[in-house]
Amino acid sequence: MNVPLEHTEQVNFMRLASLKMGKLFPLLFAIPNGGKRNIITAKKLKAEGVKAGIPDMFFAYPTEKYRGLFIEMKRLKGSTTSDEQKAYINLLNRTGYKAVICKGCSKAVEALQDYLKGQDEKS
């Protein structure tokens, strides 16, 4: 089975979200902290505040329960969550945000829908 790359999963999620979210879609955006970069660019970005482990996307829409939703996108198979990612997910959840790890586009859509309905992510 050909497992889509994380990039593909995230692109598909953003396409679906753009169709489902209407006026709220501008509040959902990617945080490009990952990826391979040359050393000069990496140093510049680090000086600007880029941090390893920050989730891939943020939905800047508070609910009664949370300040916003962070999504860390993963492939359906073959991906791992780094220690830095786990630490940020835990920190964000402790400080009033909803932060989730989603394996694949469909799980990310489900997490977004649950967030908007005011439900916790289903395990």
Protein backbone atom coordinates (compact mmCIF):
# COMPACT_ATOMS: atom_id res chain seq x y z
CA MET A 1 0.00 0.00 0.00
CA ASN A 2 1.31 3.43 -0.97
CA VAL A 3 1.14 5.63 2.15
CA PRO A 4 0.76 9.35 1.37
CA LEU A 5 3.46 11.68 2.69
CA GLU A 6 2.69 13.98 5.60
CA HIS A 7 2.79 16.88 3.13
CA THR A 8 0.06 15.27 1.02
CA GLU A 9 -2.09 14.55 4.09
CA GLN A 10 -1.78 18.17 5.22
CA VAL A 11 -2.54 19.58 1.74
CA ASN A 12 -5.63 17.36 1.53
CA PHE A 13 -6.72 18.46 5.00
CA MET A 14 -6.39 22.14 4.12
CA ARG A 15 -8.38 21.61 0.90
CA LEU A 16 -11.20 19.88 2.77
CA ALA A 17 -11.12 22.44 5.58
CA SER A 18 -11.42 25.27 3.06
CA LEU A 19 -14.64 23.69 1.77
CA LYS A 20 -16.13 22.93 5.20
CA MET A 21 -15.17 25.93 7.34
CA GLY A 22 -16.54 28.91 5.43
CA LYS A 23 -15.74 32.22 7.14
CA LEU A 24 -13.60 30.49 9.79
CA PHE A 25 -11.07 29.11 7.28
CA PRO A 26 -8.73 32.16 7.43
CA LEU A 27 -8.18 31.32 11.12
CA LEU A 28 -6.62 27.94 10.21
CA PHE A 29 -3.00 28.15 9.12
CA ALA A 30 0.21 26.17 8.86
CA ILE A 31 3.25 26.77 11.03
CA PRO A 32 6.24 25.84 8.85
CA ASN A 33 8.68 24.84 11.57
CA GLY A 34 9.77 21.54 10.05
CA GLY A 35 11.64 20.54 6.95
CA LYS A 36 15.21 20.38 5.77
CA ARG A 37 17.00 23.70 5.39
CA ASN A 38 20.52 24.82 4.77
CA ILE A 39 22.44 25.88 7.89
CA ILE A 40 22.29 29.64 7.16
CA THR A 41 18.50 29.61 6.72
CA ALA A 42 18.07 27.37 9.77
CA LYS A 43 20.09 29.78 11.94
CA LYS A 44 18.09 32.78 10.69
CA LEU A 45 14.77 31.05 11.35
CA LYS A 46 15.86 29.92 14.81
CA ALA A 47 16.83 33.52 15.63
CA GLU A 48 13.35 34.59 14.46
CA GLY A 49 11.70 32.15 16.87
CA VAL A 50 11.24 28.90 14.98
CA LYS A 51 11.18 26.05 17.50
CA ALA A 52 11.43 22.31 17.00
CA GLY A 53 8.34 20.44 18.08
CA ILE A 54 5.69 23.09 17.46
CA PRO A 55 2.63 21.47 15.82
CA ASP A 56 2.06 21.84 12.08
CA MET A 57 -1.18 23.82 12.14
CA PHE A 58 -3.12 26.20 14.36
CA PHE A 59 -6.80 27.08 14.34
CA ALA A 60 -6.98 30.47 16.07
CA TYR A 61 -10.58 30.17 17.15
CA PRO A 62 -11.34 29.91 20.86
CA THR A 63 -14.26 27.92 22.23
CA GLU A 64 -15.76 27.89 25.69
CA LYS A 65 -13.32 25.14 26.62
CA TYR A 66 -10.12 25.93 24.67
CA ARG A 67 -8.05 28.89 23.48
CA GLY A 68 -7.42 27.33 20.06
CA LEU A 69 -6.60 24.05 18.31
CA PHE A 70 -3.13 22.83 17.36
CA ILE A 71 -2.79 19.88 14.99
CA GLU A 72 0.36 17.83 14.50
CA MET A 73 -0.10 15.96 11.21
CA LYS A 74 1.41 12.52 10.70
CA ARG A 75 1.35 9.93 7.94
CA LEU A 76 -1.00 7.00 8.38
CA LYS A 77 1.99 4.67 8.72
CA GLY A 78 5.72 5.11 9.11
CA SER A 79 5.81 8.34 11.09
CA THR A 80 6.99 9.01 14.60
CA THR A 81 6.38 11.78 17.10
CA SER A 82 9.57 13.40 18.38
CA ASP A 83 10.21 14.06 22.06
CA GLU A 84 10.01 17.80 21.31
CA GLN A 85 6.62 17.35 19.65
CA LYS A 86 5.30 15.32 22.59
CA ALA A 87 6.54 17.96 25.02
CA TYR A 88 4.84 20.82 23.13
CA ILE A 89 1.59 18.85 22.76
CA ASN A 90 1.56 18.27 26.53
CA LEU A 91 2.46 21.90 27.31
CA LEU A 92 -0.21 23.28 25.00
CA ASN A 93 -2.85 20.97 26.46
CA ARG A 94 -1.89 22.05 30.00
CA THR A 95 -2.15 25.75 29.14
CA GLY A 96 -5.68 25.88 27.76
CA TYR A 97 -5.26 24.81 24.14
CA LYS A 98 -6.41 21.63 22.46
CA ALA A 99 -3.39 19.99 20.84
CA VAL A 100 -3.70 16.71 18.97
CA ILE A 101 -1.65 14.36 16.84
CA CYS A 102 -3.57 13.20 13.77
CA LYS A 103 -2.53 10.26 11.62
CA GLY A 104 -3.88 11.24 8.24
CA CYS A 105 -6.23 13.79 6.76
CA SER A 106 -9.44 12.10 7.93
CA LYS A 107 -8.33 12.16 11.59
CA ALA A 108 -7.46 15.85 11.27
CA VAL A 109 -10.90 16.60 9.80
CA GLU A 110 -12.49 14.63 12.63
CA ALA A 111 -10.44 16.53 15.23
CA LEU A 112 -11.46 19.87 13.71
CA GLN A 113 -15.14 18.91 13.60
CA ASP A 114 -15.04 17.66 17.20
CA TYR A 115 -13.31 20.86 18.28
CA LEU A 116 -16.00 23.00 16.65
CA LYS A 117 -18.74 20.88 18.26
CA GLY A 118 -17.06 21.28 21.65
CA GLN A 119 -16.18 17.61 22.02
CA ASP A 120 -12.88 16.09 22.98
CA GLU A 121 -10.97 14.15 20.34
CA LYS A 122 -12.08 10.55 20.07
CA SER A 123 -9.37 8.03 20.81
